Protein backbone atom coordinates (compact mmCIF):
# COMPACT_ATOMS: atom_id res chain seq x y z
CA MET A 1 -0.23 -0.26 -0.13
CA PRO A 2 1.38 3.27 -1.10
CA GLU A 3 2.06 5.97 2.06
CA ILE A 4 -0.63 8.50 2.52
CA ARG A 5 1.43 11.88 2.72
CA MET A 6 0.05 14.66 4.63
CA CYS A 7 0.25 18.65 3.35
CA ASP A 8 2.96 20.19 4.95
CA GLN A 9 1.68 23.63 5.40
CA LYS A 10 0.33 25.60 8.55
CA GLN A 11 -3.12 26.61 9.13
CA PRO A 12 -3.64 30.24 9.87
CA ASP A 13 -3.37 29.63 13.73
CA GLY A 14 0.09 27.59 13.28
CA SER A 15 -1.30 23.90 13.30
CA PRO A 16 -0.42 21.58 11.06
CA CYS A 17 -2.62 20.78 7.85
CA ARG A 18 -4.42 17.46 8.39
CA GLU A 19 -5.57 17.10 4.62
CA PRO A 20 -3.46 14.58 2.63
CA ALA A 21 -1.42 16.06 0.00
CA VAL A 22 -2.14 16.23 -3.72
CA LEU A 23 0.46 18.59 -5.13
CA SER A 24 3.96 19.03 -5.29
CA TRP A 25 5.21 22.49 -5.04
CA ARG A 26 8.72 24.35 -6.23
CA PHE A 27 9.49 27.89 -5.65
CA ASP A 28 11.82 29.84 -8.05
CA TRP A 29 14.65 29.99 -5.27
CA GLY A 30 14.12 26.34 -4.73
CA GLU A 31 11.98 25.39 -1.97
CA THR A 32 10.02 22.72 -2.44
CA GLY A 33 7.31 20.60 -0.56
CA ILE A 34 3.85 19.07 -0.95
CA CYS A 35 0.41 20.32 -0.01
CA CYS A 36 -3.45 19.83 -0.23
CA GLN A 37 -5.20 21.83 -2.96
CA ALA A 38 -6.34 24.38 -0.74
CA HIS A 39 -2.57 25.19 0.17
CA GLY A 40 -1.68 25.22 -3.43
CA LEU A 41 -3.70 28.07 -4.27
CA LEU A 42 -2.44 29.69 -1.44
CA LEU A 43 0.89 29.15 -2.57
CA GLN A 44 0.13 30.64 -6.25
CA GLN A 45 -1.03 33.92 -4.16
CA THR A 46 1.73 34.08 -2.25
CA ALA A 47 4.05 33.73 -5.05
CA GLN A 48 2.08 36.64 -6.95
CA ASN A 49 2.41 38.78 -3.77
CA LEU A 50 5.99 38.44 -3.54
CA SER A 51 6.35 39.79 -7.23
CA SER A 52 7.16 43.13 -8.16
CA HIS A 53 7.28 45.11 -11.18
CA ASP A 54 10.98 44.41 -11.74
CA LEU A 55 10.79 40.58 -10.38
CA LYS A 56 8.50 38.39 -11.07
CA ARG A 57 8.09 34.93 -8.69
CA HIS A 58 6.46 31.77 -9.78
CA VAL A 59 5.40 28.38 -7.61
CA SER A 60 5.09 25.35 -10.15
CA LEU A 61 2.49 22.90 -8.86
CA ALA A 62 2.47 19.38 -10.21
CA PRO A 63 -0.02 16.67 -9.14
CA LEU A 64 1.62 14.04 -6.98
CA GLU A 65 1.96 10.63 -8.61
CA ASN A 66 0.85 7.03 -7.57
CA LEU A 67 -2.18 8.74 -5.49
CA ALA A 68 -4.78 6.04 -6.63
CA GLU A 69 -4.00 2.68 -5.09
CA PRO A 70 -3.43 0.19 -7.39
CA ALA A 71 -5.66 -2.57 -7.71
CA LEU A 72 -4.83 -5.81 -5.70
CA GLU A 73 -3.61 -8.82 -7.09
CA ARG A 74 -5.04 -12.08 -6.25
CA SER A 75 -2.25 -12.98 -3.86
CA GLU A 76 -2.65 -10.05 -1.99
CA ARG A 77 -6.31 -10.39 -1.99
CA THR A 78 -5.97 -13.94 -0.70
CA ALA A 79 -3.48 -12.83 2.14
CA LEU A 80 -6.04 -10.22 3.22
CA ILE A 81 -8.95 -12.56 3.32
CA ALA A 82 -6.86 -15.27 5.16
CA ALA A 83 -5.36 -12.34 7.72
CA ARG A 84 -9.35 -11.30 8.24
CA ILE A 85 -10.40 -14.68 9.19
CA SER A 86 -7.22 -15.51 11.25
CA ALA A 87 -8.04 -12.16 13.27
CA GLU A 88 -11.76 -13.08 13.29
CA ALA A 89 -10.97 -16.47 14.87
CA GLU A 90 -8.45 -14.70 17.56
CA THR A 91 -11.13 -12.46 18.26
CA ASP A 92 -13.60 -15.07 19.09
CA GLU A 93 -11.22 -17.08 20.95
CA LEU A 94 -10.30 -13.88 22.91
CA LYS A 95 -13.86 -13.23 23.65
CA ARG A 96 -14.27 -16.94 24.80
CA ARG A 97 -11.03 -16.77 27.10
CA GLY A 98 -12.59 -12.88 28.19
CA GLY A 99 -15.73 -14.65 29.13
CA MET A 100 -13.94 -17.66 31.13
CA LEU A 101 -12.24 -14.97 33.07
CA TYR A 102 -15.14 -12.96 33.60
CA GLN A 103 -16.64 -15.98 35.28
CA GLN A 104 -13.75 -16.80 37.22
CA ASN A 105 -13.93 -13.15 38.49
CA VAL A 106 -17.36 -13.67 39.37
CA ASP A 107 -16.60 -16.83 41.41
CA LEU A 108 -13.86 -15.43 42.95
CA THR A 109 -15.62 -12.54 43.92
CA GLY A 110 -18.19 -14.27 45.55
CA GLN A 111 -15.67 -16.57 47.50
CA VAL A 112 -14.21 -13.28 48.72
CA GLN A 113 -17.81 -12.30 49.70
CA VAL A 114 -17.98 -15.51 51.67
CA LEU A 115 -14.62 -15.36 53.22
CA THR A 116 -15.35 -11.74 54.47
CA LEU A 117 -18.45 -12.55 56.13
CA ARG A 118 -17.06 -15.68 57.84
CA HIS A 119 -14.18 -13.25 58.99
CA ARG A 120 -16.68 -11.05 60.10
CA GLU A 121 -18.79 -13.72 62.25
CA ALA A 122 -15.50 -14.90 63.67
CA ASP A 123 -14.64 -11.27 64.82
CA ALA A 124 -17.93 -10.90 66.31
CA GLN A 125 -17.61 -14.42 67.96
CA LEU A 126 -14.21 -13.61 69.18
CA THR A 127 -15.42 -10.12 70.68
CA ASP A 128 -18.20 -11.84 72.60
CA ALA A 129 -15.85 -14.63 73.61
CA LEU A 130 -13.32 -11.82 75.05
CA ALA A 131 -16.39 -9.90 76.95
CA LYS A 132 -17.31 -13.06 78.54
CA ASN A 133 -13.95 -14.16 79.62
CA LYS A 134 -13.64 -10.72 80.97
CA ARG A 135 -16.85 -11.00 82.88
CA LEU A 136 -15.77 -14.62 84.12
CA GLU A 137 -12.36 -13.23 85.17
CA GLU A 138 -14.15 -10.34 87.21
CA GLN A 139 -16.56 -13.06 88.81
CA LEU A 140 -13.63 -15.28 89.65
CA HIS A 141 -11.72 -12.13 90.91
CA GLU A 142 -15.10 -11.37 93.25
CA ARG A 143 -14.80 -14.86 94.34
CA GLU A 144 -11.45 -14.98 95.27
CA ILE A 145 -12.06 -11.94 97.27
CA GLU A 146 -14.88 -13.51 99.10
CA LEU A 147 -12.73 -17.02 99.48
CA GLY A 148 -10.22 -14.75 101.45
CA THR A 149 -12.90 -13.07 103.40
CA VAL A 150 -14.43 -16.20 104.43
CA THR A 151 -11.12 -17.90 104.97
CA ASP A 152 -10.07 -15.21 107.36
CA GLU A 153 -13.26 -15.59 109.37
CA LEU A 154 -12.71 -18.99 109.33
CA GLN A 155 -9.23 -18.90 110.80
CA ARG A 156 -10.46 -15.99 113.45
CA MET A 157 -13.06 -18.76 114.28
CA GLN A 158 -10.87 -21.38 114.65
CA THR A 159 -8.98 -18.97 116.44
CA LEU A 160 -11.61 -18.03 118.62
CA ALA A 161 -12.60 -21.85 118.99
CA ALA A 162 -9.11 -23.07 120.41
CA PHE A 163 -9.22 -20.10 123.00
CA ALA A 164 -12.87 -21.26 123.80
CA ASP A 165 -11.72 -25.24 124.58
CA THR A 166 -9.10 -23.83 127.22
CA ASP A 167 -11.38 -21.39 128.73
CA THR A 168 -13.36 -22.72 132.06
CA SER A 169 -16.78 -22.09 130.21
CA PRO A 170 -18.60 -25.06 129.88
CA SER A 171 -17.69 -27.40 127.06
CA ARG A 172 -19.25 -27.83 123.85
CA ARG A 173 -20.26 -31.44 125.19
CA GLU A 174 -21.93 -29.95 128.27
CA ARG A 175 -23.72 -27.34 126.00
CA GLY A 176 -24.76 -30.22 124.07
CA LEU A 177 -23.12 -29.72 120.89
CA LEU A 178 -21.05 -32.49 120.63
CA PRO A 179 -22.00 -35.92 121.47
CA ASP A 180 -20.71 -37.71 124.37
CA PRO A 181 -18.29 -40.15 123.27
CA GLY A 182 -20.13 -43.13 125.48
CA GLU A 183 -23.12 -42.44 123.82
CA GLY A 184 -22.30 -43.76 120.23
């Protein structure tokens, strides 16, 4: 395929012309280039504006050769058709693979959602277990305090009882608190 050449002239705002070149030009002093039809007319006007009574300036314009694409030969046409069929098959394969990847993505997203839900549930259970553990530790601490108080009271009672047995007061047997060893 022949290369499409673009006009080398600039638009009035300074941007490049985006039209395909159809003419080649050459000024008297040797400057050359290619341009579109509209810029060819502008180059002719420029040459006239540069002319004076003593010196005439000219620009030569000639059509570019090989503008029309040559007809495709049978082998080129066959190669293009084969390339198109191959590209279509590749496109179908890519669409199929893209569909599979999309389905995998959907499946993985579902798994992530399930795992996220499990993680949140486990976090909630852990929070509840930690709160229950803290309550039980507080109850244990209270019971240990009660146990210490009861143990102190027991020791005090045992000490008082030891002093009471050595006292002259009636014994427990006499008061009927303990059975008589001979009655049993």
